[in-house]
Amino acid sequence: MGKEVQAILNLLSESVLVEGDIQTTRDIRIDGTLVGTVRTNGRLILGPSSRVTGKINSPNIDVFGRMEGEVVSTGTVVLRAKSQVKGTITTETLVVEAGAIFNGESNMMKQKSDVTRPEMANKK
């Protein structure tokens, strides 16, 4: 008997408006409008028709649409060519494609391997 592999996709469609918070352990794609917070342990894709106001937190984020608020990622944030982002981005790696609009502040975190543990900082 073969093992079935099923891709799980969380999708907020273009015609959907959500006011509130979304939390998932899987990848999620938003093509609709969200006013609130998104937290995922997977990849977050804000599609070309997305309109997000609030806070997003994901290890990997691809922005094709509009985002206003706070972006936090422990991995990579990619602002695609026609994206529009206003706010603060905190990430290890930020990629801004030609044609993307970013107005705000970016904070680059150190990679995990570069971070000194507090208990080791005082020892010589």
PDB file of N, CA and C in Angstrom:
ATOM      1  N   MET A   1       0.840  -1.174   0.000  1.00  0.00           N
ATOM      2  CA  MET A   1       0.000   0.000   0.000  1.00  0.00           C
ATOM      3  C   MET A   1       0.887   1.239   0.000  1.00  0.00           C
ATOM      4  N   GLY A   2       0.647   2.178  -0.940  1.00  0.00           N
ATOM      5  CA  GLY A   2       1.447   3.401  -1.063  1.00  0.00           C
ATOM      6  C   GLY A   2       1.086   4.436  -0.013  1.00  0.00           C
ATOM      7  N   LYS A   3       2.072   5.231   0.284  1.00  0.00           N
ATOM      8  CA  LYS A   3       1.877   6.286   1.268  1.00  0.00           C
ATOM      9  C   LYS A   3       1.380   7.535   0.538  1.00  0.00           C
ATOM     10  N   GLU A   4       0.261   8.096   0.991  1.00  0.00           N
ATOM     11  CA  GLU A   4      -0.268   9.295   0.345  1.00  0.00           C
ATOM     12  C   GLU A   4       0.355  10.542   0.968  1.00  0.00           C
ATOM     13  N   VAL A   5       0.803  11.446   0.085  1.00  0.00           N
ATOM     14  CA  VAL A   5       1.368  12.710   0.532  1.00  0.00           C
ATOM     15  C   VAL A   5       0.394  13.805   0.150  1.00  0.00           C
ATOM     16  N   GLN A   6       0.015  14.597   1.119  1.00  0.00           N
ATOM     17  CA  GLN A   6      -0.963  15.641   0.870  1.00  0.00           C
ATOM     18  C   GLN A   6      -0.384  16.992   1.257  1.00  0.00           C
ATOM     19  N   ALA A   7      -0.413  17.935   0.335  1.00  0.00           N
ATOM     20  CA  ALA A   7       0.054  19.290   0.635  1.00  0.00           C
ATOM     21  C   ALA A   7      -1.049  20.021   1.381  1.00  0.00           C
ATOM     22  N   ILE A   8      -0.684  20.606   2.487  1.00  0.00           N
ATOM     23  CA  ILE A   8      -1.651  21.366   3.261  1.00  0.00           C
ATOM     24  C   ILE A   8      -1.419  22.838   2.973  1.00  0.00           C
ATOM     25  N   LEU A   9      -2.467  23.503   2.535  1.00  0.00           N
ATOM     26  CA  LEU A   9      -2.350  24.916   2.194  1.00  0.00           C
ATOM     27  C   LEU A   9      -3.443  25.684   2.914  1.00  0.00           C
ATOM     28  N   ASN A  10      -3.034  26.661   3.695  1.00  0.00           N
ATOM     29  CA  ASN A  10      -3.977  27.570   4.332  1.00  0.00           C
ATOM     30  C   ASN A  10      -4.072  28.784   3.434  1.00  0.00           C
ATOM     31  N   LEU A  11      -5.283  29.154   3.053  1.00  0.00           N
ATOM     32  CA  LEU A  11      -5.474  30.231   2.102  1.00  0.00           C
ATOM     33  C   LEU A  11      -6.573  31.168   2.569  1.00  0.00           C
ATOM     34  N   LEU A  12      -6.250  32.455   2.568  1.00  0.00           N
ATOM     35  CA  LEU A  12      -7.236  33.493   2.811  1.00  0.00           C
ATOM     36  C   LEU A  12      -7.491  34.129   1.446  1.00  0.00           C
ATOM     37  N   SER A  13      -8.629  33.820   0.840  1.00  0.00           N
ATOM     38  CA  SER A  13      -8.915  34.213  -0.539  1.00  0.00           C
ATOM     39  C   SER A  13      -9.094  35.711  -0.706  1.00  0.00           C
ATOM     40  N   GLU A  14      -9.023  36.133  -1.958  1.00  0.00           N
ATOM     41  CA  GLU A  14      -9.082  37.545  -2.325  1.00  0.00           C
ATOM     42  C   GLU A  14     -10.329  38.254  -1.808  1.00  0.00           C
ATOM     43  N   SER A  15     -11.449  37.595  -1.788  1.00  0.00           N
ATOM     44  CA  SER A  15     -12.701  38.239  -1.404  1.00  0.00           C
ATOM     45  C   SER A  15     -12.963  38.208   0.106  1.00  0.00           C
ATOM     46  N   VAL A  16     -12.014  37.694   0.884  1.00  0.00           N
ATOM     47  CA  VAL A  16     -12.219  37.517   2.316  1.00  0.00           C
ATOM     48  C   VAL A  16     -11.587  38.663   3.113  1.00  0.00           C
ATOM     49  N   LEU A  17     -12.333  39.151   4.113  1.00  0.00           N
ATOM     50  CA  LEU A  17     -11.834  40.153   5.055  1.00  0.00           C
ATOM     51  C   LEU A  17     -11.834  39.530   6.439  1.00  0.00           C
ATOM     52  N   VAL A  18     -10.676  39.554   7.119  1.00  0.00           N
ATOM     53  CA  VAL A  18     -10.563  39.028   8.478  1.00  0.00           C
ATOM     54  C   VAL A  18     -10.089  40.156   9.383  1.00  0.00           C
ATOM     55  N   GLU A  19     -10.818  40.355  10.475  1.00  0.00           N
ATOM     56  CA  GLU A  19     -10.390  41.280  11.512  1.00  0.00           C
ATOM     57  C   GLU A  19     -10.109  40.431  12.743  1.00  0.00           C
ATOM     58  N   GLY A  20      -8.820  40.276  13.080  1.00  0.00           N
ATOM     59  CA  GLY A  20      -8.441  39.425  14.201  1.00  0.00           C
ATOM     60  C   GLY A  20      -7.092  38.792  13.958  1.00  0.00           C
ATOM     61  N   ASP A  21      -6.811  37.741  14.700  1.00  0.00           N
ATOM     62  CA  ASP A  21      -5.511  37.094  14.639  1.00  0.00           C
ATOM     63  C   ASP A  21      -5.602  35.718  14.007  1.00  0.00           C
ATOM     64  N   ILE A  22      -4.556  35.376  13.253  1.00  0.00           N
ATOM     65  CA  ILE A  22      -4.444  34.068  12.630  1.00  0.00           C
ATOM     66  C   ILE A  22      -3.153  33.442  13.132  1.00  0.00           C
ATOM     67  N   GLN A  23      -3.237  32.182  13.566  1.00  0.00           N
ATOM     68  CA  GLN A  23      -2.051  31.463  14.015  1.00  0.00           C
ATOM     69  C   GLN A  23      -2.093  30.070  13.429  1.00  0.00           C
ATOM     70  N   THR A  24      -0.960  29.632  12.837  1.00  0.00           N
ATOM     71  CA  THR A  24      -0.875  28.306  12.253  1.00  0.00           C
ATOM     72  C   THR A  24       0.550  27.795  12.340  1.00  0.00           C
ATOM     73  N   THR A  25       0.704  26.495  12.336  1.00  0.00           N
ATOM     74  CA  THR A  25       2.033  25.899  12.322  1.00  0.00           C
ATOM     75  C   THR A  25       2.484  25.616  10.894  1.00  0.00           C
ATOM     76  N   ARG A  26       1.597  25.802   9.936  1.00  0.00           N
ATOM     77  CA  ARG A  26       1.862  25.474   8.528  1.00  0.00           C
ATOM     78  C   ARG A  26       2.042  26.734   7.679  1.00  0.00           C
ATOM     79  N   ASP A  27       2.358  26.520   6.406  1.00  0.00           N
ATOM     80  CA  ASP A  27       2.442  27.619   5.444  1.00  0.00           C
ATOM     81  C   ASP A  27       1.066  28.241   5.275  1.00  0.00           C
ATOM     82  N   ILE A  28       1.053  29.547   4.950  1.00  0.00           N
ATOM     83  CA  ILE A  28      -0.212  30.228   4.701  1.00  0.00           C
ATOM     84  C   ILE A  28      -0.017  31.268   3.606  1.00  0.00           C
ATOM     85  N   ARG A  29      -1.041  31.396   2.788  1.00  0.00           N
ATOM     86  CA  ARG A  29      -1.052  32.417   1.739  1.00  0.00           C
ATOM     87  C   ARG A  29      -2.269  33.297   1.959  1.00  0.00           C
ATOM     88  N   ILE A  30      -2.035  34.606   1.909  1.00  0.00           N
ATOM     89  CA  ILE A  30      -3.116  35.567   2.080  1.00  0.00           C
ATOM     90  C   ILE A  30      -3.262  36.365   0.793  1.00  0.00           C
ATOM     91  N   ASP A  31      -4.439  36.294   0.203  1.00  0.00           N
ATOM     92  CA  ASP A  31      -4.759  37.088  -0.975  1.00  0.00           C
ATOM     93  C   ASP A  31      -5.849  38.106  -0.651  1.00  0.00           C
ATOM     94  N   GLY A  32      -6.437  37.989   0.511  1.00  0.00           N
ATOM     95  CA  GLY A  32      -7.511  38.881   0.932  1.00  0.00           C
ATOM     96  C   GLY A  32      -7.000  40.003   1.816  1.00  0.00           C
ATOM     97  N   THR A  33      -7.890  40.505   2.675  1.00  0.00           N
ATOM     98  CA  THR A  33      -7.585  41.621   3.564  1.00  0.00           C
ATOM     99  C   THR A  33      -7.576  41.127   5.002  1.00  0.00           C
ATOM    100  N   LEU A  34      -6.534  41.500   5.723  1.00  0.00           N
ATOM    101  CA  LEU A  34      -6.411  41.128   7.125  1.00  0.00           C
ATOM    102  C   LEU A  34      -6.067  42.361   7.941  1.00  0.00           C
ATOM    103  N   VAL A  35      -6.837  42.588   8.990  1.00  0.00           N
ATOM    104  CA  VAL A  35      -6.511  43.608   9.972  1.00  0.00           C
ATOM    105  C   VAL A  35      -6.283  42.846  11.269  1.00  0.00           C
ATOM    106  N   GLY A  36      -5.016  42.696  11.655  1.00  0.00           N
ATOM    107  CA  GLY A  36      -4.700  41.904  12.837  1.00  0.00           C
ATOM    108  C   GLY A  36      -3.294  41.356  12.779  1.00  0.00           C
ATOM    109  N   THR A  37      -3.123  40.159  13.300  1.00  0.00           N
ATOM    110  CA  THR A  37      -1.807  39.534  13.430  1.00  0.00           C
ATOM    111  C   THR A  37      -1.812  38.161  12.776  1.00  0.00           C
ATOM    112  N   VAL A  38      -0.713  37.851  12.087  1.00  0.00           N
ATOM    113  CA  VAL A  38      -0.499  36.511  11.548  1.00  0.00           C
ATOM    114  C   VAL A  38       0.785  35.966  12.144  1.00  0.00           C
ATOM    115  N   ARG A  39       0.700  34.775  12.731  1.00  0.00           N
ATOM    116  CA  ARG A  39       1.882  34.076  13.243  1.00  0.00           C
ATOM    117  C   ARG A  39       1.879  32.679  12.643  1.00  0.00           C
ATOM    118  N   THR A  40       3.002  32.308  12.036  1.00  0.00           N
ATOM    119  CA  THR A  40       3.116  30.967  11.484  1.00  0.00           C
ATOM    120  C   THR A  40       4.525  30.440  11.675  1.00  0.00           C
ATOM    121  N   ASN A  41       4.644  29.126  11.814  1.00  0.00           N
ATOM    122  CA  ASN A  41       5.951  28.483  11.859  1.00  0.00           C
ATOM    123  C   ASN A  41       6.396  28.094  10.458  1.00  0.00           C
ATOM    124  N   GLY A  42       5.500  28.256   9.490  1.00  0.00           N
ATOM    125  CA  GLY A  42       5.798  27.940   8.098  1.00  0.00           C
ATOM    126  C   GLY A  42       6.083  29.204   7.306  1.00  0.00           C
ATOM    127  N   ARG A  43       5.935  29.089   6.012  1.00  0.00           N
ATOM    128  CA  ARG A  43       6.162  30.214   5.109  1.00  0.00           C
ATOM    129  C   ARG A  43       4.892  31.041   4.991  1.00  0.00           C
ATOM    130  N   LEU A  44       5.048  32.356   4.915  1.00  0.00           N
ATOM    131  CA  LEU A  44       3.920  33.263   4.732  1.00  0.00           C
ATOM    132  C   LEU A  44       4.061  33.957   3.390  1.00  0.00           C
ATOM    133  N   ILE A  45       3.009  33.864   2.587  1.00  0.00           N
ATOM    134  CA  ILE A  45       2.990  34.545   1.295  1.00  0.00           C
ATOM    135  C   ILE A  45       1.839  35.536   1.309  1.00  0.00           C
ATOM    136  N   LEU A  46       2.159  36.806   1.075  1.00  0.00           N
ATOM    137  CA  LEU A  46       1.138  37.840   0.913  1.00  0.00           C
ATOM    138  C   LEU A  46       1.013  38.058  -0.589  1.00  0.00           C
ATOM    139  N   GLY A  47      -0.068  37.538  -1.175  1.00  0.00           N
ATOM    140  CA  GLY A  47      -0.271  37.580  -2.622  1.00  0.00           C
ATOM    141  C   GLY A  47      -0.452  38.992  -3.150  1.00  0.00           C
ATOM    142  N   PRO A  48      -0.468  39.156  -4.479  1.00  0.00           N
ATOM    143  CA  PRO A  48      -0.561  40.473  -5.109  1.00  0.00           C
ATOM    144  C   PRO A  48      -1.791  41.284  -4.703  1.00  0.00           C
ATOM    145  N   SER A  49      -2.895  40.622  -4.369  1.00  0.00           N
ATOM    146  CA  SER A  49      -4.116  41.347  -3.992  1.00  0.00           C
ATOM    147  C   SER A  49      -4.254  41.504  -2.473  1.00  0.00           C
ATOM    148  N   SER A  50      -3.255  41.062  -1.712  1.00  0.00           N
ATOM    149  CA  SER A  50      -3.343  41.126  -0.249  1.00  0.00           C
ATOM    150  C   SER A  50      -3.234  42.560   0.266  1.00  0.00           C
ATOM    151  N   ARG A  51      -3.967  42.807   1.354  1.00  0.00           N
ATOM    152  CA  ARG A  51      -3.925  44.089   2.068  1.00  0.00           C
ATOM    153  C   ARG A  51      -3.869  43.727   3.550  1.00  0.00           C
ATOM    154  N   VAL A  52      -2.707  43.857   4.176  1.00  0.00           N
ATOM    155  CA  VAL A  52      -2.538  43.467   5.568  1.00  0.00           C
ATOM    156  C   VAL A  52      -2.150  44.686   6.390  1.00  0.00           C
ATOM    157  N   THR A  53      -2.883  44.892   7.477  1.00  0.00           N
ATOM    158  CA  THR A  53      -2.576  45.949   8.424  1.00  0.00           C
ATOM    159  C   THR A  53      -2.428  45.305   9.788  1.00  0.00           C
ATOM    160  N   GLY A  54      -1.255  45.422  10.386  1.00  0.00           N
ATOM    161  CA  GLY A  54      -1.035  44.805  11.691  1.00  0.00           C
ATOM    162  C   GLY A  54       0.371  44.287  11.839  1.00  0.00           C
ATOM    163  N   LYS A  55       0.491  43.029  12.278  1.00  0.00           N
ATOM    164  CA  LYS A  55       1.800  42.429  12.532  1.00  0.00           C
ATOM    165  C   LYS A  55       1.851  41.045  11.912  1.00  0.00           C
ATOM    166  N   ILE A  56       2.980  40.744  11.249  1.00  0.00           N
ATOM    167  CA  ILE A  56       3.184  39.403  10.725  1.00  0.00           C
ATOM    168  C   ILE A  56       4.488  38.844  11.274  1.00  0.00           C
ATOM    169  N   ASN A  57       4.472  37.536  11.571  1.00  0.00           N
ATOM    170  CA  ASN A  57       5.630  36.878  12.162  1.00  0.00           C
ATOM    171  C   ASN A  57       5.734  35.486  11.552  1.00  0.00           C
ATOM    172  N   SER A  58       6.828  35.254  10.818  1.00  0.00           N
ATOM    173  CA  SER A  58       7.036  33.982  10.139  1.00  0.00           C
ATOM    174  C   SER A  58       8.519  33.822   9.843  1.00  0.00           C
ATOM    175  N   PRO A  59       9.015  32.575   9.809  1.00  0.00           N
ATOM    176  CA  PRO A  59      10.426  32.368   9.474  1.00  0.00           C
ATOM    177  C   PRO A  59      10.778  32.836   8.059  1.00  0.00           C
ATOM    178  N   ASN A  60       9.846  32.727   7.126  1.00  0.00           N
ATOM    179  CA  ASN A  60      10.090  33.142   5.743  1.00  0.00           C
ATOM    180  C   ASN A  60       8.850  33.828   5.200  1.00  0.00           C
ATOM    181  N   ILE A  61       9.048  35.041   4.681  1.00  0.00           N
ATOM    182  CA  ILE A  61       7.922  35.859   4.229  1.00  0.00           C
ATOM    183  C   ILE A  61       8.191  36.366   2.821  1.00  0.00           C
ATOM    184  N   ASP A  62       7.216  36.173   1.929  1.00  0.00           N
ATOM    185  CA  ASP A  62       7.249  36.747   0.583  1.00  0.00           C
ATOM    186  C   ASP A  62       6.094  37.722   0.470  1.00  0.00           C
ATOM    187  N   VAL A  63       6.394  38.988   0.171  1.00  0.00           N
ATOM    188  CA  VAL A  63       5.355  40.009   0.056  1.00  0.00           C
ATOM    189  C   VAL A  63       5.221  40.416  -1.408  1.00  0.00           C
ATOM    190  N   PHE A  64       4.047  40.167  -1.959  1.00  0.00           N
ATOM    191  CA  PHE A  64       3.717  40.587  -3.321  1.00  0.00           C
ATOM    192  C   PHE A  64       2.707  41.736  -3.285  1.00  0.00           C
ATOM    193  N   GLY A  65       1.980  41.877  -2.174  1.00  0.00           N
ATOM    194  CA  GLY A  65       0.900  42.852  -2.056  1.00  0.00           C
ATOM    195  C   GLY A  65       1.271  44.020  -1.163  1.00  0.00           C
ATOM    196  N   ARG A  66       0.283  44.465  -0.359  1.00  0.00           N
ATOM    197  CA  ARG A  66       0.469  45.627   0.513  1.00  0.00           C
ATOM    198  C   ARG A  66       0.472  45.211   1.975  1.00  0.00           C
ATOM    199  N   MET A  67       1.383  45.788   2.735  1.00  0.00           N
ATOM    200  CA  MET A  67       1.507  45.506   4.157  1.00  0.00           C
ATOM    201  C   MET A  67       1.809  46.801   4.879  1.00  0.00           C
ATOM    202  N   GLU A  68       1.083  47.042   5.967  1.00  0.00           N
ATOM    203  CA  GLU A  68       1.382  48.192   6.811  1.00  0.00           C
ATOM    204  C   GLU A  68       1.415  47.717   8.253  1.00  0.00           C
ATOM    205  N   GLY A  69       2.552  47.931   8.915  1.00  0.00           N
ATOM    206  CA  GLY A  69       2.681  47.501  10.298  1.00  0.00           C
ATOM    207  C   GLY A  69       4.058  46.964  10.594  1.00  0.00           C
ATOM    208  N   GLU A  70       4.103  45.865  11.344  1.00  0.00           N
ATOM    209  CA  GLU A  70       5.363  45.291  11.794  1.00  0.00           C
ATOM    210  C   GLU A  70       5.565  43.904  11.198  1.00  0.00           C
ATOM    211  N   VAL A  71       6.754  43.698  10.642  1.00  0.00           N
ATOM    212  CA  VAL A  71       7.135  42.420  10.050  1.00  0.00           C
ATOM    213  C   VAL A  71       8.301  41.861  10.863  1.00  0.00           C
ATOM    214  N   VAL A  72       8.156  40.623  11.353  1.00  0.00           N
ATOM    215  CA  VAL A  72       9.219  39.978  12.121  1.00  0.00           C
ATOM    216  C   VAL A  72       9.475  38.602  11.524  1.00  0.00           C
ATOM    217  N   SER A  73      10.762  38.327  11.234  1.00  0.00           N
ATOM    218  CA  SER A  73      11.124  37.037  10.657  1.00  0.00           C
ATOM    219  C   SER A  73      12.483  36.597  11.175  1.00  0.00           C
ATOM    220  N   THR A  74      12.605  35.315  11.529  1.00  0.00           N
ATOM    221  CA  THR A  74      13.887  34.766  11.938  1.00  0.00           C
ATOM    222  C   THR A  74      14.679  34.271  10.735  1.00  0.00           C
ATOM    223  N   GLY A  75      14.114  34.418   9.555  1.00  0.00           N
ATOM    224  CA  GLY A  75      14.769  33.944   8.334  1.00  0.00           C
ATOM    225  C   GLY A  75      14.892  35.048   7.307  1.00  0.00           C
ATOM    226  N   THR A  76      14.119  34.932   6.221  1.00  0.00           N
ATOM    227  CA  THR A  76      14.230  35.842   5.093  1.00  0.00           C
ATOM    228  C   THR A  76      12.897  36.521   4.797  1.00  0.00           C
ATOM    229  N   VAL A  77      12.951  37.825   4.556  1.00  0.00           N
ATOM    230  CA  VAL A  77      11.804  38.594   4.083  1.00  0.00           C
ATOM    231  C   VAL A  77      12.143  39.060   2.676  1.00  0.00           C
ATOM    232  N   VAL A  78      11.259  38.758   1.719  1.00  0.00           N
ATOM    233  CA  VAL A  78      11.460  39.190   0.342  1.00  0.00           C
ATOM    234  C   VAL A  78      10.322  40.122  -0.044  1.00  0.00           C
ATOM    235  N   LEU A  79      10.678  41.360  -0.407  1.00  0.00           N
ATOM    236  CA  LEU A  79       9.699  42.323  -0.917  1.00  0.00           C
ATOM    237  C   LEU A  79       9.753  42.229  -2.433  1.00  0.00           C
ATOM    238  N   ARG A  80       8.714  41.639  -3.009  1.00  0.00           N
ATOM    239  CA  ARG A  80       8.679  41.398  -4.453  1.00  0.00           C
ATOM    240  C   ARG A  80       8.418  42.693  -5.220  1.00  0.00           C
ATOM    241  N   ALA A  81       8.642  42.648  -6.528  1.00  0.00           N
ATOM    242  CA  ALA A  81       8.703  43.827  -7.384  1.00  0.00           C
ATOM    243  C   ALA A  81       7.564  44.836  -7.223  1.00  0.00           C
ATOM    244  N   LYS A  82       6.336  44.409  -7.063  1.00  0.00           N
ATOM    245  CA  LYS A  82       5.218  45.358  -6.995  1.00  0.00           C
ATOM    246  C   LYS A  82       4.653  45.504  -5.589  1.00  0.00           C
ATOM    247  N   SER A  83       5.377  45.009  -4.591  1.00  0.00           N
ATOM    248  CA  SER A  83       4.895  45.094  -3.218  1.00  0.00           C
ATOM    249  C   SER A  83       5.022  46.513  -2.676  1.00  0.00           C
ATOM    250  N   GLN A  84       4.201  46.801  -1.658  1.00  0.00           N
ATOM    251  CA  GLN A  84       4.240  48.091  -0.979  1.00  0.00           C
ATOM    252  C   GLN A  84       4.199  47.822   0.513  1.00  0.00           C
ATOM    253  N   VAL A  85       5.270  48.184   1.224  1.00  0.00           N
ATOM    254  CA  VAL A  85       5.366  47.928   2.653  1.00  0.00           C
ATOM    255  C   VAL A  85       5.678  49.233   3.371  1.00  0.00           C
ATOM    256  N   LYS A  86       4.894  49.477   4.432  1.00  0.00           N
ATOM    257  CA  LYS A  86       5.103  50.650   5.265  1.00  0.00           C
ATOM    258  C   LYS A  86       5.164  50.181   6.711  1.00  0.00           C
ATOM    259  N   GLY A  87       6.278  50.461   7.394  1.00  0.00           N
ATOM    260  CA  GLY A  87       6.392  50.027   8.784  1.00  0.00           C
ATOM    261  C   GLY A  87       7.790  49.599   9.140  1.00  0.00           C
ATOM    262  N   THR A  88       7.883  48.611  10.023  1.00  0.00           N
ATOM    263  CA  THR A  88       9.159  48.133  10.530  1.00  0.00           C
ATOM    264  C   THR A  88       9.359  46.674  10.151  1.00  0.00           C
ATOM    265  N   ILE A  89      10.545  46.370   9.637  1.00  0.00           N
ATOM    266  CA  ILE A  89      10.907  44.994   9.304  1.00  0.00           C
ATOM    267  C   ILE A  89      12.100  44.599  10.157  1.00  0.00           C
ATOM    268  N   THR A  90      11.945  43.501  10.910  1.00  0.00           N
ATOM    269  CA  THR A  90      13.031  42.939  11.701  1.00  0.00           C
ATOM    270  C   THR A  90      13.269  41.526  11.190  1.00  0.00           C
ATOM    271  N   THR A  91      14.482  41.263  10.691  1.00  0.00           N
ATOM    272  CA  THR A  91      14.769  39.976  10.070  1.00  0.00           C
ATOM    273  C   THR A  91      16.269  39.711  10.025  1.00  0.00           C
ATOM    274  N   GLU A  92      16.646  38.475   9.717  1.00  0.00           N
ATOM    275  CA  GLU A  92      18.048  38.142   9.492  1.00  0.00           C
ATOM    276  C   GLU A  92      18.476  38.556   8.087  1.00  0.00           C
ATOM    277  N   THR A  93      17.585  38.326   7.097  1.00  0.00           N
ATOM    278  CA  THR A  93      17.909  38.620   5.703  1.00  0.00           C
ATOM    279  C   THR A  93      16.747  39.355   5.054  1.00  0.00           C
ATOM    280  N   LEU A  94      17.041  40.490   4.419  1.00  0.00           N
ATOM    281  CA  LEU A  94      16.024  41.279   3.729  1.00  0.00           C
ATOM    282  C   LEU A  94      16.414  41.415   2.263  1.00  0.00           C
ATOM    283  N   VAL A  95      15.478  41.042   1.371  1.00  0.00           N
ATOM    284  CA  VAL A  95      15.691  41.166  -0.065  1.00  0.00           C
ATOM    285  C   VAL A  95      14.616  42.095  -0.598  1.00  0.00           C
ATOM    286  N   VAL A  96      15.037  43.169  -1.280  1.00  0.00           N
ATOM    287  CA  VAL A  96      14.099  44.120  -1.870  1.00  0.00           C
ATOM    288  C   VAL A  96      14.316  44.112  -3.376  1.00  0.00           C
ATOM    289  N   GLU A  97      13.328  43.591  -4.102  1.00  0.00           N
ATOM    290  CA  GLU A  97      13.436  43.546  -5.558  1.00  0.00           C
ATOM    291  C   GLU A  97      13.208  44.935  -6.150  1.00  0.00           C
ATOM    292  N   ALA A  98      13.779  45.176  -7.323  1.00  0.00           N
ATOM    293  CA  ALA A  98      13.565  46.439  -8.036  1.00  0.00           C
ATOM    294  C   ALA A  98      12.075  46.609  -8.285  1.00  0.00           C
ATOM    295  N   GLY A  99      11.547  47.787  -7.954  1.00  0.00           N
ATOM    296  CA  GLY A  99      10.128  48.059  -8.140  1.00  0.00           C
ATOM    297  C   GLY A  99       9.320  47.954  -6.861  1.00  0.00           C
ATOM    298  N   ALA A 100       9.885  47.351  -5.823  1.00  0.00           N
ATOM    299  CA  ALA A 100       9.200  47.270  -4.523  1.00  0.00           C
ATOM    300  C   ALA A 100       9.266  48.638  -3.851  1.00  0.00           C
ATOM    301  N   ILE A 101       8.246  48.958  -3.074  1.00  0.00           N
ATOM    302  CA  ILE A 101       8.221  50.203  -2.323  1.00  0.00           C
ATOM    303  C   ILE A 101       8.273  49.854  -0.840  1.00  0.00           C
ATOM    304  N   PHE A 102       9.293  50.367  -0.148  1.00  0.00           N
ATOM    305  CA  PHE A 102       9.435  50.147   1.293  1.00  0.00           C
ATOM    306  C   PHE A 102       9.689  51.485   1.966  1.00  0.00           C
ATOM    307  N   ASN A 103       8.765  51.901   2.801  1.00  0.00           N
ATOM    308  CA  ASN A 103       8.899  53.118   3.581  1.00  0.00           C
ATOM    309  C   ASN A 103       8.821  52.735   5.045  1.00  0.00           C
ATOM    310  N   GLY A 104       9.924  52.893   5.738  1.00  0.00           N
ATOM    311  CA  GLY A 104       9.939  52.525   7.143  1.00  0.00           C
ATOM    312  C   GLY A 104      11.337  52.279   7.633  1.00  0.00           C
ATOM    313  N   GLU A 105      11.441  51.343   8.570  1.00  0.00           N
ATOM    314  CA  GLU A 105      12.700  51.052   9.232  1.00  0.00           C
ATOM    315  C   GLU A 105      12.974  49.565   9.150  1.00  0.00           C
ATOM    316  N   SER A 106      14.243  49.228   8.934  1.00  0.00           N
ATOM    317  CA  SER A 106      14.612  47.810   8.954  1.00  0.00           C
ATOM    318  C   SER A 106      15.647  47.586  10.048  1.00  0.00           C
ATOM    319  N   ASN A 107      15.502  46.474  10.744  1.00  0.00           N
ATOM    320  CA  ASN A 107      16.432  46.063  11.788  1.00  0.00           C
ATOM    321  C   ASN A 107      16.914  44.671  11.444  1.00  0.00           C
ATOM    322  N   MET A 108      18.225  44.517  11.330  1.00  0.00           N
ATOM    323  CA  MET A 108      18.788  43.222  10.983  1.00  0.00           C
ATOM    324  C   MET A 108      19.232  42.508  12.247  1.00  0.00           C
ATOM    325  N   MET A 109      18.658  41.307  12.489  1.00  0.00           N
ATOM    326  CA  MET A 109      19.089  40.527  13.652  1.00  0.00           C
ATOM    327  C   MET A 109      20.314  39.719  13.277  1.00  0.00           C
ATOM    328  N   LYS A 110      21.070  39.375  14.291  1.00  0.00           N
ATOM    329  CA  LYS A 110      22.227  38.520  14.073  1.00  0.00           C
ATOM    330  C   LYS A 110      21.750  37.107  13.811  1.00  0.00           C
ATOM    331  N   GLN A 111      22.541  36.385  13.031  1.00  0.00           N
ATOM    332  CA  GLN A 111      22.221  34.985  12.816  1.00  0.00           C
ATOM    333  C   GLN A 111      22.421  34.234  14.118  1.00  0.00           C
ATOM    334  N   LYS A 112      21.655  33.194  14.306  1.00  0.00           N
ATOM    335  CA  LYS A 112      21.682  32.444  15.559  1.00  0.00           C
ATOM    336  C   LYS A 112      23.092  32.019  15.965  1.00  0.00           C
ATOM    337  N   SER A 113      23.933  31.657  15.014  1.00  0.00           N
ATOM    338  CA  SER A 113      25.280  31.203  15.339  1.00  0.00           C
ATOM    339  C   SER A 113      26.165  32.337  15.845  1.00  0.00           C
ATOM    340  N   ASP A 114      25.799  33.598  15.550  1.00  0.00           N
ATOM    341  CA  ASP A 114      26.585  34.749  15.981  1.00  0.00           C
ATOM    342  C   ASP A 114      26.202  35.240  17.373  1.00  0.00           C
ATOM    343  N   VAL A 115      25.107  34.773  17.898  1.00  0.00           N
ATOM    344  CA  VAL A 115      24.616  35.275  19.172  1.00  0.00           C
ATOM    345  C   VAL A 115      25.366  34.606  20.324  1.00  0.00           C
ATOM    346  N   THR A 116      25.889  35.433  21.228  1.00  0.00           N
ATOM    347  CA  THR A 116      26.587  34.916  22.402  1.00  0.00           C
ATOM    348  C   THR A 116      25.574  34.673  23.500  1.00  0.00           C
ATOM    349  N   ARG A 117      25.647  33.514  24.106  1.00  0.00           N
ATOM    350  CA  ARG A 117      24.744  33.227  25.211  1.00  0.00           C
ATOM    351  C   ARG A 117      25.147  34.074  26.405  1.00  0.00           C
ATOM    352  N   PRO A 118      24.191  34.634  27.130  1.00  0.00           N
ATOM    353  CA  PRO A 118      24.498  35.524  28.255  1.00  0.00           C
ATOM    354  C   PRO A 118      25.407  34.900  29.296  1.00  0.00           C
ATOM    355  N   GLU A 119      25.238  33.608  29.571  1.00  0.00           N
ATOM    356  CA  GLU A 119      26.049  32.985  30.609  1.00  0.00           C
ATOM    357  C   GLU A 119      27.512  32.837  30.174  1.00  0.00           C
ATOM    358  N   MET A 120      27.776  32.913  28.861  1.00  0.00           N
ATOM    359  CA  MET A 120      29.137  32.792  28.350  1.00  0.00           C
ATOM    360  C   MET A 120      29.819  34.150  28.184  1.00  0.00           C
ATOM    361  N   ALA A 121      29.055  35.229  28.147  1.00  0.00           N
ATOM    362  CA  ALA A 121      29.598  36.553  27.867  1.00  0.00           C
ATOM    363  C   ALA A 121      30.551  37.043  28.956  1.00  0.00           C
ATOM    364  N   ASN A 122      30.335  36.672  30.198  1.00  0.00           N
ATOM    365  CA  ASN A 122      31.144  37.178  31.300  1.00  0.00           C
ATOM    366  C   ASN A 122      32.380  36.317  31.588  1.00  0.00           C
ATOM    367  N   LYS A 123      32.470  35.155  30.986  1.00  0.00           N
ATOM    368  CA  LYS A 123      33.622  34.265  31.217  1.00  0.00           C
ATOM    369  C   LYS A 123      34.727  34.597  30.226  1.00  0.00           C
ATOM    370  N   LYS A 124      35.967  34.496  30.691  1.00  0.00           N
ATOM    371  CA  LYS A 124      37.100  34.769  29.796  1.00  0.00           C
ATOM    372  C   LYS A 124      38.027  33.599  29.733  1.00  0.00           C
TER     373      LYS A 124
END
